[in-house]
């Protein structure tokens, strides 16, 4: 694999790592690990830890899909492997 191919995969794996860290922090962190601390804050009448566990994480996951698609498009264009 040449240098540009290695750089492409490094950029791709870096983005994937960041996305998965956010996914873990939101789903497991905010919904389970930090729920007791977050429950002191209320959002829409519900404790924030409960809100993240029930629906907040879904909003974040959908946002992560769009962020991933946008950033991968930028990486693809940067390394000239885009489909446009």
PDB file of N, CA and C in Angstrom:
ATOM      1  N   UNK A   1       0.856  -1.182   0.000  1.00  0.00           N
ATOM      2  CA  UNK A   1       0.000   0.000   0.000  1.00  0.00           C
ATOM      3  C   UNK A   1       0.894   1.235   0.000  1.00  0.00           C
ATOM      4  N   UNK A   2       0.563   2.202  -0.826  1.00  0.00           N
ATOM      5  CA  UNK A   2       1.391   3.405  -0.890  1.00  0.00           C
ATOM      6  C   UNK A   2       1.061   4.360   0.254  1.00  0.00           C
ATOM      7  N   UNK A   3       1.815   5.439   0.311  1.00  0.00           N
ATOM      8  CA  UNK A   3       1.673   6.401   1.420  1.00  0.00           C
ATOM      9  C   UNK A   3       0.293   7.035   1.463  1.00  0.00           C
ATOM     10  N   UNK A   4      -0.295   7.355   0.300  1.00  0.00           N
ATOM     11  CA  UNK A   4      -1.615   7.999   0.318  1.00  0.00           C
ATOM     12  C   UNK A   4      -2.684   7.017   0.795  1.00  0.00           C
ATOM     13  N   UNK A   5      -2.524   5.734   0.448  1.00  0.00           N
ATOM     14  CA  UNK A   5      -3.468   4.721   0.924  1.00  0.00           C
ATOM     15  C   UNK A   5      -3.389   4.554   2.428  1.00  0.00           C
ATOM     16  N   UNK A   6      -2.173   4.574   2.955  1.00  0.00           N
ATOM     17  CA  UNK A   6      -2.001   4.477   4.404  1.00  0.00           C
ATOM     18  C   UNK A   6      -2.569   5.697   5.117  1.00  0.00           C
ATOM     19  N   UNK A   7      -2.351   6.871   4.543  1.00  0.00           N
ATOM     20  CA  UNK A   7      -2.883   8.100   5.135  1.00  0.00           C
ATOM     21  C   UNK A   7      -4.410   8.108   5.099  1.00  0.00           C
ATOM     22  N   UNK A   8      -4.975   7.601   4.000  1.00  0.00           N
ATOM     23  CA  UNK A   8      -6.430   7.515   3.879  1.00  0.00           C
ATOM     24  C   UNK A   8      -7.013   6.635   4.978  1.00  0.00           C
ATOM     25  N   UNK A   9      -6.435   5.451   5.169  1.00  0.00           N
ATOM     26  CA  UNK A   9      -6.953   4.538   6.177  1.00  0.00           C
ATOM     27  C   UNK A   9      -6.714   5.062   7.586  1.00  0.00           C
ATOM     28  N   UNK A  10      -5.614   5.762   7.787  1.00  0.00           N
ATOM     29  CA  UNK A  10      -5.362   6.367   9.092  1.00  0.00           C
ATOM     30  C   UNK A  10      -6.422   7.423   9.399  1.00  0.00           C
ATOM     31  N   UNK A  11      -6.754   8.250   8.406  1.00  0.00           N
ATOM     32  CA  UNK A  11      -7.790   9.272   8.586  1.00  0.00           C
ATOM     33  C   UNK A  11      -9.153   8.622   8.823  1.00  0.00           C
ATOM     34  N   UNK A  12      -9.456   7.570   8.067  1.00  0.00           N
ATOM     35  CA  UNK A  12     -10.727   6.875   8.211  1.00  0.00           C
ATOM     36  C   UNK A  12     -10.859   6.236   9.588  1.00  0.00           C
ATOM     37  N   UNK A  13      -9.812   5.546  10.030  1.00  0.00           N
ATOM     38  CA  UNK A  13      -9.857   4.907  11.347  1.00  0.00           C
ATOM     39  C   UNK A  13      -9.868   5.934  12.476  1.00  0.00           C
ATOM     40  N   UNK A  14      -9.208   7.069  12.267  1.00  0.00           N
ATOM     41  CA  UNK A  14      -9.253   8.145  13.268  1.00  0.00           C
ATOM     42  C   UNK A  14     -10.666   8.675  13.444  1.00  0.00           C
ATOM     43  N   UNK A  15     -11.357   8.908  12.328  1.00  0.00           N
ATOM     44  CA  UNK A  15     -12.746   9.374  12.386  1.00  0.00           C
ATOM     45  C   UNK A  15     -13.633   8.326  13.041  1.00  0.00           C
ATOM     46  N   UNK A  16     -13.475   7.081  12.657  1.00  0.00           N
ATOM     47  CA  UNK A  16     -14.281   6.006  13.233  1.00  0.00           C
ATOM     48  C   UNK A  16     -14.051   5.891  14.735  1.00  0.00           C
ATOM     49  N   UNK A  17     -12.817   6.039  15.172  1.00  0.00           N
ATOM     50  CA  UNK A  17     -12.506   5.987  16.599  1.00  0.00           C
ATOM     51  C   UNK A  17     -13.217   7.110  17.352  1.00  0.00           C
ATOM     52  N   UNK A  18     -13.172   8.309  16.805  1.00  0.00           N
ATOM     53  CA  UNK A  18     -13.843   9.450  17.451  1.00  0.00           C
ATOM     54  C   UNK A  18     -15.348   9.227  17.542  1.00  0.00           C
ATOM     55  N   UNK A  19     -15.942   8.739  16.454  1.00  0.00           N
ATOM     56  CA  UNK A  19     -17.385   8.482  16.430  1.00  0.00           C
ATOM     57  C   UNK A  19     -17.756   7.421  17.468  1.00  0.00           C
ATOM     58  N   UNK A  20     -16.963   6.361  17.551  1.00  0.00           N
ATOM     59  CA  UNK A  20     -17.263   5.297  18.504  1.00  0.00           C
ATOM     60  C   UNK A  20     -17.075   5.738  19.950  1.00  0.00           C
ATOM     61  N   UNK A  21     -16.116   6.626  20.206  1.00  0.00           N
ATOM     62  CA  UNK A  21     -15.930   7.145  21.565  1.00  0.00           C
ATOM     63  C   UNK A  21     -17.152   7.961  21.976  1.00  0.00           C
ATOM     64  N   UNK A  22     -17.635   8.812  21.082  1.00  0.00           N
ATOM     65  CA  UNK A  22     -18.841   9.599  21.386  1.00  0.00           C
ATOM     66  C   UNK A  22     -20.021   8.657  21.598  1.00  0.00           C
ATOM     67  N   UNK A  23     -20.164   7.662  20.727  1.00  0.00           N
ATOM     68  CA  UNK A  23     -21.250   6.694  20.859  1.00  0.00           C
ATOM     69  C   UNK A  23     -21.198   6.000  22.222  1.00  0.00           C
ATOM     70  N   UNK A  24     -20.010   5.566  22.649  1.00  0.00           N
ATOM     71  CA  UNK A  24     -19.862   4.898  23.935  1.00  0.00           C
ATOM     72  C   UNK A  24     -20.202   5.837  25.086  1.00  0.00           C
ATOM     73  N   UNK A  25     -19.681   7.059  25.047  1.00  0.00           N
ATOM     74  CA  UNK A  25     -19.933   8.004  26.136  1.00  0.00           C
ATOM     75  C   UNK A  25     -21.410   8.333  26.271  1.00  0.00           C
ATOM     76  N   UNK A  26     -22.089   8.455  25.144  1.00  0.00           N
ATOM     77  CA  UNK A  26     -23.514   8.794  25.192  1.00  0.00           C
ATOM     78  C   UNK A  26     -24.348   7.600  25.631  1.00  0.00           C
ATOM     79  N   UNK A  27     -24.109   6.451  25.024  1.00  0.00           N
ATOM     80  CA  UNK A  27     -24.969   5.302  25.328  1.00  0.00           C
ATOM     81  C   UNK A  27     -24.652   4.702  26.693  1.00  0.00           C
ATOM     82  N   UNK A  28     -23.423   4.322  26.914  1.00  0.00           N
ATOM     83  CA  UNK A  28     -23.068   3.659  28.163  1.00  0.00           C
ATOM     84  C   UNK A  28     -22.767   4.672  29.259  1.00  0.00           C
ATOM     85  N   UNK A  29     -22.073   5.752  28.899  1.00  0.00           N
ATOM     86  CA  UNK A  29     -21.699   6.753  29.898  1.00  0.00           C
ATOM     87  C   UNK A  29     -22.886   7.529  30.446  1.00  0.00           C
ATOM     88  N   UNK A  30     -23.558   8.277  29.559  1.00  0.00           N
ATOM     89  CA  UNK A  30     -24.656   9.132  30.012  1.00  0.00           C
ATOM     90  C   UNK A  30     -25.878   8.323  30.428  1.00  0.00           C
ATOM     91  N   UNK A  31     -26.113   7.188  29.777  1.00  0.00           N
ATOM     92  CA  UNK A  31     -27.299   6.399  30.073  1.00  0.00           C
ATOM     93  C   UNK A  31     -27.151   5.478  31.271  1.00  0.00           C
ATOM     94  N   UNK A  32     -25.899   5.095  31.626  1.00  0.00           N
ATOM     95  CA  UNK A  32     -25.701   4.119  32.704  1.00  0.00           C
ATOM     96  C   UNK A  32     -24.709   4.620  33.752  1.00  0.00           C
ATOM     97  N   UNK A  33     -23.455   4.865  33.329  1.00  0.00           N
ATOM     98  CA  UNK A  33     -22.395   5.193  34.290  1.00  0.00           C
ATOM     99  C   UNK A  33     -22.619   6.511  35.020  1.00  0.00           C
ATOM    100  N   UNK A  34     -22.971   7.553  34.276  1.00  0.00           N
ATOM    101  CA  UNK A  34     -23.120   8.888  34.857  1.00  0.00           C
ATOM    102  C   UNK A  34     -24.577   9.275  35.067  1.00  0.00           C
ATOM    103  N   UNK A  35     -25.482   8.329  34.988  1.00  0.00           N
ATOM    104  CA  UNK A  35     -26.915   8.628  35.086  1.00  0.00           C
ATOM    105  C   UNK A  35     -27.275   9.249  36.432  1.00  0.00           C
ATOM    106  N   UNK A  36     -26.702   8.743  37.511  1.00  0.00           N
ATOM    107  CA  UNK A  36     -27.033   9.293  38.833  1.00  0.00           C
ATOM    108  C   UNK A  36     -26.627  10.758  38.944  1.00  0.00           C
ATOM    109  N   UNK A  37     -25.456  11.098  38.414  1.00  0.00           N
ATOM    110  CA  UNK A  37     -25.016  12.496  38.447  1.00  0.00           C
ATOM    111  C   UNK A  37     -25.885  13.366  37.548  1.00  0.00           C
ATOM    112  N   UNK A  38     -26.244  12.846  36.383  1.00  0.00           N
ATOM    113  CA  UNK A  38     -27.045  13.622  35.432  1.00  0.00           C
ATOM    114  C   UNK A  38     -28.500  13.754  35.862  1.00  0.00           C
ATOM    115  N   UNK A  39     -28.973  12.860  36.714  1.00  0.00           N
ATOM    116  CA  UNK A  39     -30.376  12.908  37.128  1.00  0.00           C
ATOM    117  C   UNK A  39     -30.707  14.127  37.978  1.00  0.00           C
ATOM    118  N   UNK A  40     -29.705  14.841  38.458  1.00  0.00           N
ATOM    119  CA  UNK A  40     -29.953  16.086  39.183  1.00  0.00           C
ATOM    120  C   UNK A  40     -30.404  17.211  38.268  1.00  0.00           C
ATOM    121  N   UNK A  41     -30.172  17.050  36.970  1.00  0.00           N
ATOM    122  CA  UNK A  41     -30.586  18.037  35.967  1.00  0.00           C
ATOM    123  C   UNK A  41     -31.831  17.507  35.282  1.00  0.00           C
ATOM    124  N   UNK A  42     -32.827  18.368  35.104  1.00  0.00           N
ATOM    125  CA  UNK A  42     -34.068  17.938  34.457  1.00  0.00           C
ATOM    126  C   UNK A  42     -34.200  18.580  33.089  1.00  0.00           C
ATOM    127  N   UNK A  43     -34.676  17.790  32.142  1.00  0.00           N
ATOM    128  CA  UNK A  43     -34.906  18.262  30.775  1.00  0.00           C
ATOM    129  C   UNK A  43     -36.322  17.845  30.385  1.00  0.00           C
ATOM    130  N   UNK A  44     -37.176  18.805  30.177  1.00  0.00           N
ATOM    131  CA  UNK A  44     -38.553  18.502  29.823  1.00  0.00           C
ATOM    132  C   UNK A  44     -39.305  17.782  30.935  1.00  0.00           C
ATOM    133  N   UNK A  45     -38.903  18.006  32.181  1.00  0.00           N
ATOM    134  CA  UNK A  45     -39.564  17.380  33.308  1.00  0.00           C
ATOM    135  C   UNK A  45     -39.003  16.013  33.680  1.00  0.00           C
ATOM    136  N   UNK A  46     -38.022  15.531  32.924  1.00  0.00           N
ATOM    137  CA  UNK A  46     -37.431  14.218  33.192  1.00  0.00           C
ATOM    138  C   UNK A  46     -35.980  14.380  33.608  1.00  0.00           C
ATOM    139  N   UNK A  47     -35.488  13.503  34.467  1.00  0.00           N
ATOM    140  CA  UNK A  47     -34.073  13.540  34.825  1.00  0.00           C
ATOM    141  C   UNK A  47     -33.203  13.309  33.572  1.00  0.00           C
ATOM    142  N   UNK A  48     -32.102  14.046  33.468  1.00  0.00           N
ATOM    143  CA  UNK A  48     -31.276  14.004  32.260  1.00  0.00           C
ATOM    144  C   UNK A  48     -30.700  12.612  31.997  1.00  0.00           C
ATOM    145  N   UNK A  49     -30.290  11.884  33.030  1.00  0.00           N
ATOM    146  CA  UNK A  49     -29.785  10.526  32.832  1.00  0.00           C
ATOM    147  C   UNK A  49     -30.835   9.617  32.220  1.00  0.00           C
ATOM    148  N   UNK A  50     -32.060   9.717  32.697  1.00  0.00           N
ATOM    149  CA  UNK A  50     -33.172   8.940  32.148  1.00  0.00           C
ATOM    150  C   UNK A  50     -33.442   9.351  30.703  1.00  0.00           C
ATOM    151  N   UNK A  51     -33.417  10.678  30.449  1.00  0.00           N
ATOM    152  CA  UNK A  51     -33.676  11.185  29.103  1.00  0.00           C
ATOM    153  C   UNK A  51     -32.646  10.642  28.119  1.00  0.00           C
ATOM    154  N   UNK A  52     -31.357  10.662  28.500  1.00  0.00           N
ATOM    155  CA  UNK A  52     -30.326  10.115  27.615  1.00  0.00           C
ATOM    156  C   UNK A  52     -30.543   8.634  27.369  1.00  0.00           C
ATOM    157  N   UNK A  53     -30.883   7.890  28.404  1.00  0.00           N
ATOM    158  CA  UNK A  53     -31.076   6.453  28.256  1.00  0.00           C
ATOM    159  C   UNK A  53     -32.262   6.134  27.350  1.00  0.00           C
ATOM    160  N   UNK A  54     -33.305   6.963  27.376  1.00  0.00           N
ATOM    161  CA  UNK A  54     -34.524   6.655  26.639  1.00  0.00           C
ATOM    162  C   UNK A  54     -34.579   7.255  25.243  1.00  0.00           C
ATOM    163  N   UNK A  55     -34.203   8.526  25.086  1.00  0.00           N
ATOM    164  CA  UNK A  55     -34.338   9.113  23.757  1.00  0.00           C
ATOM    165  C   UNK A  55     -33.191  10.012  23.361  1.00  0.00           C
ATOM    166  N   UNK A  56     -32.472  10.567  24.300  1.00  0.00           N
ATOM    167  CA  UNK A  56     -31.365  11.456  23.965  1.00  0.00           C
ATOM    168  C   UNK A  56     -30.276  10.758  23.179  1.00  0.00           C
ATOM    169  N   UNK A  57     -30.001   9.516  23.545  1.00  0.00           N
ATOM    170  CA  UNK A  57     -28.963   8.776  22.827  1.00  0.00           C
ATOM    171  C   UNK A  57     -29.370   8.527  21.376  1.00  0.00           C
ATOM    172  N   UNK A  58     -30.644   8.348  21.121  1.00  0.00           N
ATOM    173  CA  UNK A  58     -31.107   8.138  19.747  1.00  0.00           C
ATOM    174  C   UNK A  58     -30.851   9.386  18.913  1.00  0.00           C
ATOM    175  N   UNK A  59     -31.130  10.563  19.472  1.00  0.00           N
ATOM    176  CA  UNK A  59     -30.857  11.813  18.758  1.00  0.00           C
ATOM    177  C   UNK A  59     -29.368  11.944  18.450  1.00  0.00           C
ATOM    178  N   UNK A  60     -28.538  11.611  19.416  1.00  0.00           N
ATOM    179  CA  UNK A  60     -27.092  11.690  19.216  1.00  0.00           C
ATOM    180  C   UNK A  60     -26.651  10.692  18.156  1.00  0.00           C
ATOM    181  N   UNK A  61     -27.193   9.486  18.168  1.00  0.00           N
ATOM    182  CA  UNK A  61     -26.815   8.467  17.181  1.00  0.00           C
ATOM    183  C   UNK A  61     -27.171   8.923  15.769  1.00  0.00           C
ATOM    184  N   UNK A  62     -28.340   9.509  15.602  1.00  0.00           N
ATOM    185  CA  UNK A  62     -28.739  10.000  14.277  1.00  0.00           C
ATOM    186  C   UNK A  62     -27.799  11.131  13.849  1.00  0.00           C
ATOM    187  N   UNK A  63     -27.465  12.011  14.774  1.00  0.00           N
ATOM    188  CA  UNK A  63     -26.527  13.091  14.458  1.00  0.00           C
ATOM    189  C   UNK A  63     -25.158  12.515  14.076  1.00  0.00           C
ATOM    190  N   UNK A  64     -24.728  11.464  14.758  1.00  0.00           N
ATOM    191  CA  UNK A  64     -23.442  10.831  14.434  1.00  0.00           C
ATOM    192  C   UNK A  64     -23.436  10.254  13.020  1.00  0.00           C
ATOM    193  N   UNK A  65     -24.560   9.741  12.563  1.00  0.00           N
ATOM    194  CA  UNK A  65     -24.644   9.209  11.200  1.00  0.00           C
ATOM    195  C   UNK A  65     -24.382  10.323  10.193  1.00  0.00           C
ATOM    196  N   UNK A  66     -25.024  11.470  10.394  1.00  0.00           N
ATOM    197  CA  UNK A  66     -24.830  12.589   9.472  1.00  0.00           C
ATOM    198  C   UNK A  66     -23.417  13.158   9.559  1.00  0.00           C
ATOM    199  N   UNK A  67     -22.882  13.257  10.769  1.00  0.00           N
ATOM    200  CA  UNK A  67     -21.509  13.748  10.943  1.00  0.00           C
ATOM    201  C   UNK A  67     -20.527  12.806  10.262  1.00  0.00           C
ATOM    202  N   UNK A  68     -20.712  11.497  10.448  1.00  0.00           N
ATOM    203  CA  UNK A  68     -19.826  10.515   9.829  1.00  0.00           C
ATOM    204  C   UNK A  68     -19.878  10.631   8.304  1.00  0.00           C
ATOM    205  N   UNK A  69     -21.068  10.727   7.750  1.00  0.00           N
ATOM    206  CA  UNK A  69     -21.213  10.820   6.292  1.00  0.00           C
ATOM    207  C   UNK A  69     -20.539  12.074   5.758  1.00  0.00           C
ATOM    208  N   UNK A  70     -20.729  13.198   6.446  1.00  0.00           N
ATOM    209  CA  UNK A  70     -20.115  14.459   5.999  1.00  0.00           C
ATOM    210  C   UNK A  70     -18.601  14.383   6.083  1.00  0.00           C
ATOM    211  N   UNK A  71     -18.081  13.912   7.203  1.00  0.00           N
ATOM    212  CA  UNK A  71     -16.628  13.844   7.389  1.00  0.00           C
ATOM    213  C   UNK A  71     -15.989  12.820   6.450  1.00  0.00           C
ATOM    214  N   UNK A  72     -16.649  11.690   6.210  1.00  0.00           N
ATOM    215  CA  UNK A  72     -16.092  10.707   5.273  1.00  0.00           C
ATOM    216  C   UNK A  72     -16.068  11.272   3.862  1.00  0.00           C
ATOM    217  N   UNK A  73     -17.073  12.056   3.505  1.00  0.00           N
ATOM    218  CA  UNK A  73     -17.067  12.719   2.200  1.00  0.00           C
ATOM    219  C   UNK A  73     -15.881  13.659   2.071  1.00  0.00           C
ATOM    220  N   UNK A  74     -15.586  14.387   3.155  1.00  0.00           N
ATOM    221  CA  UNK A  74     -14.432  15.286   3.131  1.00  0.00           C
ATOM    222  C   UNK A  74     -13.123  14.502   3.010  1.00  0.00           C
ATOM    223  N   UNK A  75     -13.022  13.405   3.745  1.00  0.00           N
ATOM    224  CA  UNK A  75     -11.810  12.571   3.668  1.00  0.00           C
ATOM    225  C   UNK A  75     -11.677  11.977   2.262  1.00  0.00           C
ATOM    226  N   UNK A  76     -12.780  11.483   1.694  1.00  0.00           N
ATOM    227  CA  UNK A  76     -12.737  10.915   0.344  1.00  0.00           C
ATOM    228  C   UNK A  76     -12.289  11.950  -0.686  1.00  0.00           C
ATOM    229  N   UNK A  77     -12.809  13.175  -0.587  1.00  0.00           N
ATOM    230  CA  UNK A  77     -12.398  14.225  -1.522  1.00  0.00           C
ATOM    231  C   UNK A  77     -10.930  14.608  -1.322  1.00  0.00           C
ATOM    232  N   UNK A  78     -10.497  14.652  -0.075  1.00  0.00           N
ATOM    233  CA  UNK A  78      -9.106  15.004   0.222  1.00  0.00           C
ATOM    234  C   UNK A  78      -8.140  14.014  -0.434  1.00  0.00           C
ATOM    235  N   UNK A  79      -8.496  12.722  -0.416  1.00  0.00           N
ATOM    236  CA  UNK A  79      -7.616  11.695  -0.975  1.00  0.00           C
ATOM    237  C   UNK A  79      -8.042  11.274  -2.390  1.00  0.00           C
ATOM    238  N   UNK A  80      -8.970  12.010  -2.976  1.00  0.00           N
ATOM    239  CA  UNK A  80      -9.428  11.798  -4.348  1.00  0.00           C
ATOM    240  C   UNK A  80      -9.923  10.376  -4.592  1.00  0.00           C
ATOM    241  N   UNK A  81     -10.767   9.904  -3.690  1.00  0.00           N
ATOM    242  CA  UNK A  81     -11.402   8.596  -3.870  1.00  0.00           C
ATOM    243  C   UNK A  81     -12.925   8.733  -3.825  1.00  0.00           C
ATOM    244  N   UNK A  82     -13.419   9.954  -4.028  1.00  0.00           N
ATOM    245  CA  UNK A  82     -14.858  10.196  -3.969  1.00  0.00           C
ATOM    246  C   UNK A  82     -15.562   9.680  -5.227  1.00  0.00           C
ATOM    247  N   UNK A  83     -16.879   9.549  -5.119  1.00  0.00           N
ATOM    248  CA  UNK A  83     -17.673   8.959  -6.199  1.00  0.00           C
ATOM    249  C   UNK A  83     -18.373   9.988  -7.066  1.00  0.00           C
ATOM    250  N   UNK A  84     -18.197  11.236  -6.827  1.00  0.00           N
ATOM    251  CA  UNK A  84     -18.945  12.272  -7.565  1.00  0.00           C
ATOM    252  C   UNK A  84     -18.494  12.410  -8.981  1.00  0.00           C
TER     253      UNK A  84
END
